[in-house]
Amino acid sequence: MMILAGLGNPEAKYLRNRHNVGFMALDVIAQAYHCGPWRKRFQGLATDLVIGSNKFLLLKPQTFYNNSGHAIGEAANFFKVDPSKVVVFHDELDLAPGKFRLKKGGGAAGNNGIKSTTSQLGPDFLRGRIGVGHPGDRNRVTGYVLSDFSRAEENWLIDLLDAIAGSIDLLGKGELDAFQTQVTHKAPAPEPVKRGPPAKED
């Protein structure tokens, strides 16, 4: 069994925020495989997914982003799931918009949801890092992640989340490199915006 968790905030006003892209990933996976209704479990909302012989628990913690580890840890303890079988999907400031990286272990890089999960599981869980880019100034980070994706970002966002959902079977088989490769192939990151030289002053 694997646990697929997404980070986000539970209130409707946060629904389309960059910080909620983990929840969005879980919703797309659940829709793609026609999972049953979300139920209140483990301080979150959960549903089951079975692909072949592989079973997954999809989990959206309802503890707010910074305390997500409590729900994830509770589920992992209940099912006695090793941290290496837990995948946490979350927004990543250090990746360009549309980039995706699956990573095992490492630091939290200031992400409080990852810090919370590490406090419950240790560092050796998998992180599905969904790039949202950086606003360029650390003082703007909070407002940036708590703002909605722009319309211009929706195309790559939809493609990337669909690619993640369409590759979940590889996670169940333990084919982590193949999962990363397939997601990247199915949803290549958008080209960075090219800016021309600054206008000359008269």
Protein backbone atom coordinates (compact mmCIF):
# COMPACT_ATOMS: atom_id res chain seq x y z
CA MET A 1 0.00 0.00 0.00
CA MET A 2 1.04 3.57 -0.66
CA ILE A 3 -0.25 6.83 0.77
CA LEU A 4 -0.57 9.71 -1.68
CA ALA A 5 -1.02 12.94 0.26
CA GLY A 6 -1.47 16.47 -1.02
CA LEU A 7 -0.68 19.67 0.87
CA GLY A 8 -3.15 22.51 0.94
CA ASN A 9 -5.57 24.54 3.04
CA PRO A 10 -9.14 23.31 3.53
CA GLU A 11 -11.28 26.44 3.23
CA ALA A 12 -12.98 27.33 -0.06
CA LYS A 13 -11.15 30.67 -0.33
CA TYR A 14 -7.86 28.78 -0.78
CA LEU A 15 -9.19 26.40 -3.44
CA ARG A 16 -7.22 27.73 -6.45
CA ASN A 17 -4.17 29.01 -4.56
CA ARG A 18 -0.68 27.91 -5.61
CA HIS A 19 -0.30 26.54 -2.08
CA ASN A 20 -3.18 24.14 -2.81
CA VAL A 21 -1.68 22.47 -5.87
CA GLY A 22 -1.14 19.31 -3.78
CA PHE A 23 -4.89 19.10 -3.16
CA MET A 24 -5.48 19.73 -6.87
CA ALA A 25 -3.20 16.82 -7.78
CA LEU A 26 -5.15 14.48 -5.49
CA ASP A 27 -8.48 15.67 -6.91
CA VAL A 28 -7.34 15.00 -10.47
CA ILE A 29 -6.07 11.53 -9.52
CA ALA A 30 -9.38 10.72 -7.81
CA GLN A 31 -11.37 11.93 -10.82
CA ALA A 32 -9.19 10.07 -13.33
CA TYR A 33 -9.74 6.73 -11.58
CA HIS A 34 -13.37 7.33 -10.53
CA CYS A 35 -12.59 6.93 -6.84
CA GLY A 36 -15.37 6.85 -4.31
CA PRO A 37 -16.45 9.88 -2.28
CA TRP A 38 -13.99 11.60 0.01
CA ARG A 39 -14.54 10.57 3.64
CA LYS A 40 -13.39 12.16 6.88
CA ARG A 41 -10.45 10.08 8.14
CA PHE A 42 -7.10 10.74 9.81
CA GLN A 43 -7.78 14.46 10.37
CA GLY A 44 -8.32 14.75 6.64
CA LEU A 45 -10.39 13.68 3.67
CA ALA A 46 -9.51 10.27 2.24
CA THR A 47 -10.51 7.93 -0.55
CA ASP A 48 -9.19 4.59 -1.79
CA LEU A 49 -7.66 3.77 -5.16
CA VAL A 50 -6.80 0.32 -6.51
CA ILE A 51 -4.81 -0.14 -9.72
CA GLY A 52 -4.23 -3.80 -10.50
CA SER A 53 -2.69 -5.33 -7.39
CA ASN A 54 -1.62 -1.97 -5.97
CA LYS A 55 -3.67 -0.10 -3.38
CA PHE A 56 -3.38 3.58 -2.56
CA LEU A 57 -4.89 5.84 0.09
CA LEU A 58 -5.44 9.36 -1.22
CA LEU A 59 -5.32 11.88 1.63
CA LYS A 60 -5.99 15.62 1.82
CA PRO A 61 -5.13 16.78 5.37
CA GLN A 62 -7.67 19.21 6.80
CA THR A 63 -5.28 20.48 9.49
CA PHE A 64 -4.17 23.47 7.38
CA TYR A 65 -0.97 23.40 5.38
CA ASN A 66 1.58 23.97 8.13
CA ASN A 67 0.28 21.07 10.25
CA SER A 68 -0.26 18.54 7.46
CA GLY A 69 2.11 16.03 9.02
CA HIS A 70 -0.33 15.18 11.80
CA ALA A 71 -2.86 13.73 9.36
CA ILE A 72 -0.23 12.03 7.20
CA GLY A 73 1.53 10.53 10.22
CA GLU A 74 -1.76 9.25 11.65
CA ALA A 75 -2.60 7.47 8.39
CA ALA A 76 0.90 6.02 8.02
CA ASN A 77 0.84 4.71 11.59
CA PHE A 78 -2.62 3.19 11.18
CA PHE A 79 -1.67 1.23 8.06
CA LYS A 80 1.93 0.65 9.19
CA VAL A 81 3.17 2.18 5.93
CA ASP A 82 6.92 2.79 5.66
CA PRO A 83 7.83 6.43 4.91
CA SER A 84 9.31 5.31 1.58
CA LYS A 85 5.75 4.41 0.56
CA VAL A 86 4.37 7.88 1.32
CA VAL A 87 4.30 10.48 -1.47
CA VAL A 88 3.52 14.10 -0.56
CA PHE A 89 2.57 16.37 -3.47
CA HIS A 90 3.23 20.05 -2.83
CA ASP A 91 4.06 23.41 -4.40
CA GLU A 92 7.77 24.10 -4.86
CA LEU A 93 9.11 27.65 -5.04
CA ASP A 94 12.58 26.47 -6.10
CA LEU A 95 11.29 24.90 -9.33
CA ALA A 96 10.17 26.88 -12.37
CA PRO A 97 6.42 26.86 -13.10
CA GLY A 98 5.40 23.57 -14.67
CA LYS A 99 8.51 21.65 -13.65
CA PHE A 100 8.06 18.45 -11.65
CA ARG A 101 10.55 16.49 -9.57
CA LEU A 102 10.06 13.38 -7.47
CA LYS A 103 12.53 13.39 -4.62
CA LYS A 104 13.20 11.14 -1.64
CA GLY A 105 14.33 12.73 1.59
CA GLY A 106 16.22 15.97 2.00
CA GLY A 107 15.47 19.17 3.86
CA ALA A 108 12.26 21.15 3.95
CA ALA A 109 13.67 24.30 2.27
CA GLY A 110 11.40 26.43 4.46
CA ASN A 111 8.22 24.54 3.54
CA ASN A 112 6.29 24.21 6.80
CA GLY A 113 4.06 21.42 5.49
CA ILE A 114 7.14 19.35 4.70
CA LYS A 115 8.64 20.23 8.09
CA SER A 116 5.46 19.01 9.77
CA THR A 117 5.49 15.76 7.80
CA THR A 118 9.17 15.20 8.60
CA SER A 119 8.41 15.64 12.30
CA GLN A 120 5.96 12.72 12.08
CA LEU A 121 7.65 10.38 9.57
CA GLY A 122 11.30 11.36 9.51
CA PRO A 123 12.83 12.66 6.26
CA ASP A 124 12.67 9.53 4.09
CA PHE A 125 9.28 10.01 2.43
CA LEU A 126 8.84 10.94 -1.23
CA ARG A 127 8.09 14.51 -2.27
CA GLY A 128 6.20 15.22 -5.50
CA ARG A 129 7.50 18.76 -6.03
CA ILE A 130 5.29 20.79 -8.36
CA GLY A 131 7.08 23.92 -9.51
CA VAL A 132 5.24 27.21 -9.08
CA GLY A 133 8.25 29.52 -9.39
CA HIS A 134 9.43 32.21 -6.97
CA PRO A 135 8.10 35.77 -6.81
CA GLY A 136 11.69 37.06 -6.64
CA ASP A 137 11.48 38.58 -3.17
CA ARG A 138 11.15 36.48 -0.03
CA ASN A 139 8.92 39.16 1.49
CA ARG A 140 6.36 38.43 -1.23
CA VAL A 141 6.35 34.64 -0.83
CA THR A 142 3.34 34.36 1.50
CA GLY A 143 1.11 36.50 -0.70
CA TYR A 144 2.34 34.66 -3.79
CA VAL A 145 1.59 31.13 -2.62
CA LEU A 146 -1.75 32.23 -1.17
CA SER A 147 -2.84 33.75 -4.48
CA ASP A 148 -4.58 31.91 -7.30
CA PHE A 149 -2.91 30.52 -10.38
CA SER A 150 -3.30 32.96 -13.25
CA ARG A 151 -5.25 32.08 -16.38
CA ALA A 152 -1.98 31.99 -18.30
CA GLU A 153 -0.76 29.22 -15.98
CA GLU A 154 -3.83 27.03 -16.33
CA ASN A 155 -2.73 25.20 -19.49
CA TRP A 156 0.50 23.84 -18.08
CA LEU A 157 -1.16 23.20 -14.72
CA ILE A 158 -3.90 21.03 -16.25
CA ASP A 159 -1.38 19.16 -18.42
CA LEU A 160 0.95 18.50 -15.49
CA LEU A 161 -1.75 17.28 -13.11
CA ASP A 162 -3.18 15.02 -15.82
CA ALA A 163 0.31 13.62 -16.45
CA ILE A 164 0.80 12.88 -12.75
CA ALA A 165 -2.56 11.12 -12.56
CA GLY A 166 -1.86 9.12 -15.71
CA SER A 167 1.44 7.84 -14.33
CA ILE A 168 0.37 6.76 -10.85
CA ASP A 169 0.50 3.06 -11.75
CA LEU A 170 4.30 3.38 -12.04
CA LEU A 171 4.49 4.62 -8.45
CA GLY A 172 2.60 1.55 -7.31
CA LYS A 173 5.13 -0.65 -9.09
CA GLY A 174 8.01 1.16 -7.40
CA GLU A 175 9.28 2.47 -10.75
CA LEU A 176 10.13 5.92 -9.46
CA ASP A 177 12.50 6.97 -12.24
CA ALA A 178 10.00 5.84 -14.86
CA PHE A 179 7.28 7.84 -13.09
CA GLN A 180 9.42 10.99 -13.17
CA THR A 181 10.31 10.45 -16.83
CA GLN A 182 6.75 9.78 -17.93
CA VAL A 183 5.33 12.82 -16.13
CA THR A 184 8.01 15.04 -17.67
CA HIS A 185 7.43 13.55 -21.12
CA LYS A 186 3.66 13.90 -20.97
CA ALA A 187 3.75 17.45 -19.61
CA PRO A 188 6.90 19.28 -20.71
CA ALA A 189 7.36 22.47 -18.71
CA PRO A 190 6.36 25.69 -20.46
CA GLU A 191 9.05 27.78 -22.06
CA PRO A 192 10.19 30.64 -19.81
CA VAL A 193 8.94 34.03 -20.80
CA LYS A 194 11.50 35.73 -23.01
CA ARG A 195 11.97 39.37 -22.31
CA GLY A 196 13.56 41.74 -24.77
CA PRO A 197 16.27 44.24 -23.96
CA PRO A 198 15.23 47.26 -21.90
CA ALA A 199 13.91 50.16 -23.91
CA LYS A 200 16.44 52.91 -24.60
CA GLU A 201 15.82 56.20 -22.95
CA ASP A 202 15.54 59.26 -25.14
